[in-house]
């Protein structure tokens, strides 16, 4: 699964061969989360609250790019949080 962004030890990944609602994966150490791109709600996972807050902050900034990536199925490297 290609990494599309990295920040603060968090890896954001997207897998186009998956089905279901448009979503992305976040990995932080041994924790994982899956986020709905449209609602930005975590639909499964066990991320610590601070990591989840950082991921949501990042996802709000790049929501349109995430939706476009899912729609076109073309990977694009996105910036992390600074």
C-alpha atoms as a PDB file:
ATOM      1  CA  UNK A   1       0.000   0.000   0.000  1.00  0.00           C
ATOM      2  CA  UNK A   2       1.725   3.224  -1.119  1.00  0.00           C
ATOM      3  CA  UNK A   3       2.457   5.906   1.455  1.00  0.00           C
ATOM      4  CA  UNK A   4       0.965   9.242   0.359  1.00  0.00           C
ATOM      5  CA  UNK A   5       2.051  11.329   3.380  1.00  0.00           C
ATOM      6  CA  UNK A   6       4.281  11.130   6.468  1.00  0.00           C
ATOM      7  CA  UNK A   7       4.356  13.332   9.539  1.00  0.00           C
ATOM      8  CA  UNK A   8       5.174  12.947  13.247  1.00  0.00           C
ATOM      9  CA  UNK A   9       5.716   9.198  12.846  1.00  0.00           C
ATOM     10  CA  UNK A  10       2.321   8.758  11.145  1.00  0.00           C
ATOM     11  CA  UNK A  11       2.060   7.125   7.727  1.00  0.00           C
ATOM     12  CA  UNK A  12      -0.983   7.795   5.524  1.00  0.00           C
ATOM     13  CA  UNK A  13      -1.691   5.118   2.925  1.00  0.00           C
ATOM     14  CA  UNK A  14      -4.311   4.493   0.274  1.00  0.00           C
ATOM     15  CA  UNK A  15      -5.188   1.285  -1.499  1.00  0.00           C
ATOM     16  CA  UNK A  16      -7.300   1.519  -4.662  1.00  0.00           C
ATOM     17  CA  UNK A  17      -8.080  -2.169  -5.002  1.00  0.00           C
ATOM     18  CA  UNK A  18     -10.194  -2.086  -1.854  1.00  0.00           C
ATOM     19  CA  UNK A  19     -13.944  -1.749  -2.017  1.00  0.00           C
ATOM     20  CA  UNK A  20     -16.413   0.128   0.130  1.00  0.00           C
ATOM     21  CA  UNK A  21     -16.535   3.802   0.899  1.00  0.00           C
ATOM     22  CA  UNK A  22     -13.594   6.001  -0.158  1.00  0.00           C
ATOM     23  CA  UNK A  23     -11.101   5.805   2.701  1.00  0.00           C
ATOM     24  CA  UNK A  24      -7.466   6.026   3.712  1.00  0.00           C
ATOM     25  CA  UNK A  25      -5.358   4.158   6.244  1.00  0.00           C
ATOM     26  CA  UNK A  26      -3.232   5.714   8.979  1.00  0.00           C
ATOM     27  CA  UNK A  27      -0.453   3.849  10.767  1.00  0.00           C
ATOM     28  CA  UNK A  28       1.238   5.094  13.925  1.00  0.00           C
ATOM     29  CA  UNK A  29       3.666   2.656  15.540  1.00  0.00           C
ATOM     30  CA  UNK A  30       1.624  -0.495  16.221  1.00  0.00           C
ATOM     31  CA  UNK A  31      -1.710   1.347  15.889  1.00  0.00           C
ATOM     32  CA  UNK A  32      -3.905   1.546  12.791  1.00  0.00           C
ATOM     33  CA  UNK A  33      -6.954   3.476  11.711  1.00  0.00           C
ATOM     34  CA  UNK A  34      -9.192   3.621   8.653  1.00  0.00           C
ATOM     35  CA  UNK A  35     -10.868   6.962   7.880  1.00  0.00           C
ATOM     36  CA  UNK A  36     -13.836   7.711   5.637  1.00  0.00           C
ATOM     37  CA  UNK A  37     -12.682  10.457   3.256  1.00  0.00           C
ATOM     38  CA  UNK A  38     -16.091  12.121   3.004  1.00  0.00           C
ATOM     39  CA  UNK A  39     -16.944  12.305   6.719  1.00  0.00           C
ATOM     40  CA  UNK A  40     -13.365  12.029   8.113  1.00  0.00           C
ATOM     41  CA  UNK A  41     -14.686   9.654  10.773  1.00  0.00           C
ATOM     42  CA  UNK A  42     -12.502   6.760  11.854  1.00  0.00           C
ATOM     43  CA  UNK A  43     -14.454   3.710  10.692  1.00  0.00           C
ATOM     44  CA  UNK A  44     -12.139   1.186  12.308  1.00  0.00           C
ATOM     45  CA  UNK A  45      -8.956   1.162  14.298  1.00  0.00           C
ATOM     46  CA  UNK A  46      -7.262   1.777  17.607  1.00  0.00           C
ATOM     47  CA  UNK A  47      -5.244   4.995  17.292  1.00  0.00           C
ATOM     48  CA  UNK A  48      -4.233   7.044  20.345  1.00  0.00           C
ATOM     49  CA  UNK A  49      -6.286  10.230  20.619  1.00  0.00           C
ATOM     50  CA  UNK A  50      -3.345  12.604  19.915  1.00  0.00           C
ATOM     51  CA  UNK A  51      -2.430  10.727  16.717  1.00  0.00           C
ATOM     52  CA  UNK A  52      -6.089  10.714  15.660  1.00  0.00           C
ATOM     53  CA  UNK A  53      -6.303  14.496  16.200  1.00  0.00           C
ATOM     54  CA  UNK A  54      -3.205  15.063  14.041  1.00  0.00           C
ATOM     55  CA  UNK A  55      -4.578  12.815  11.297  1.00  0.00           C
ATOM     56  CA  UNK A  56      -7.908  14.645  11.273  1.00  0.00           C
ATOM     57  CA  UNK A  57      -6.149  18.013  11.160  1.00  0.00           C
ATOM     58  CA  UNK A  58      -4.126  16.797   8.162  1.00  0.00           C
ATOM     59  CA  UNK A  59      -7.154  15.208   6.448  1.00  0.00           C
ATOM     60  CA  UNK A  60      -9.162  18.447   6.668  1.00  0.00           C
ATOM     61  CA  UNK A  61      -6.366  20.216   4.771  1.00  0.00           C
ATOM     62  CA  UNK A  62      -6.147  17.595   2.019  1.00  0.00           C
ATOM     63  CA  UNK A  63      -9.708  16.248   1.809  1.00  0.00           C
ATOM     64  CA  UNK A  64     -10.205  17.394  -1.794  1.00  0.00           C
ATOM     65  CA  UNK A  65      -6.899  15.849  -2.873  1.00  0.00           C
ATOM     66  CA  UNK A  66      -7.816  12.580  -1.130  1.00  0.00           C
ATOM     67  CA  UNK A  67     -11.203  12.475  -2.862  1.00  0.00           C
ATOM     68  CA  UNK A  68      -9.588  13.194  -6.221  1.00  0.00           C
ATOM     69  CA  UNK A  69      -6.958  10.487  -5.664  1.00  0.00           C
ATOM     70  CA  UNK A  70      -9.645   7.937  -4.858  1.00  0.00           C
ATOM     71  CA  UNK A  71     -11.696   8.970  -7.892  1.00  0.00           C
ATOM     72  CA  UNK A  72      -8.840   9.002 -10.430  1.00  0.00           C
ATOM     73  CA  UNK A  73      -6.881   6.163  -8.807  1.00  0.00           C
ATOM     74  CA  UNK A  74      -3.651   8.122  -9.255  1.00  0.00           C
ATOM     75  CA  UNK A  75      -1.258   8.376  -6.369  1.00  0.00           C
ATOM     76  CA  UNK A  76       0.131  11.734  -5.393  1.00  0.00           C
ATOM     77  CA  UNK A  77       2.532  12.490  -2.570  1.00  0.00           C
ATOM     78  CA  UNK A  78       0.922  14.952  -0.161  1.00  0.00           C
ATOM     79  CA  UNK A  79       2.701  17.153   2.369  1.00  0.00           C
ATOM     80  CA  UNK A  80       2.525  16.341   6.053  1.00  0.00           C
ATOM     81  CA  UNK A  81       1.778  18.699   8.914  1.00  0.00           C
ATOM     82  CA  UNK A  82       4.447  21.224   9.844  1.00  0.00           C
END
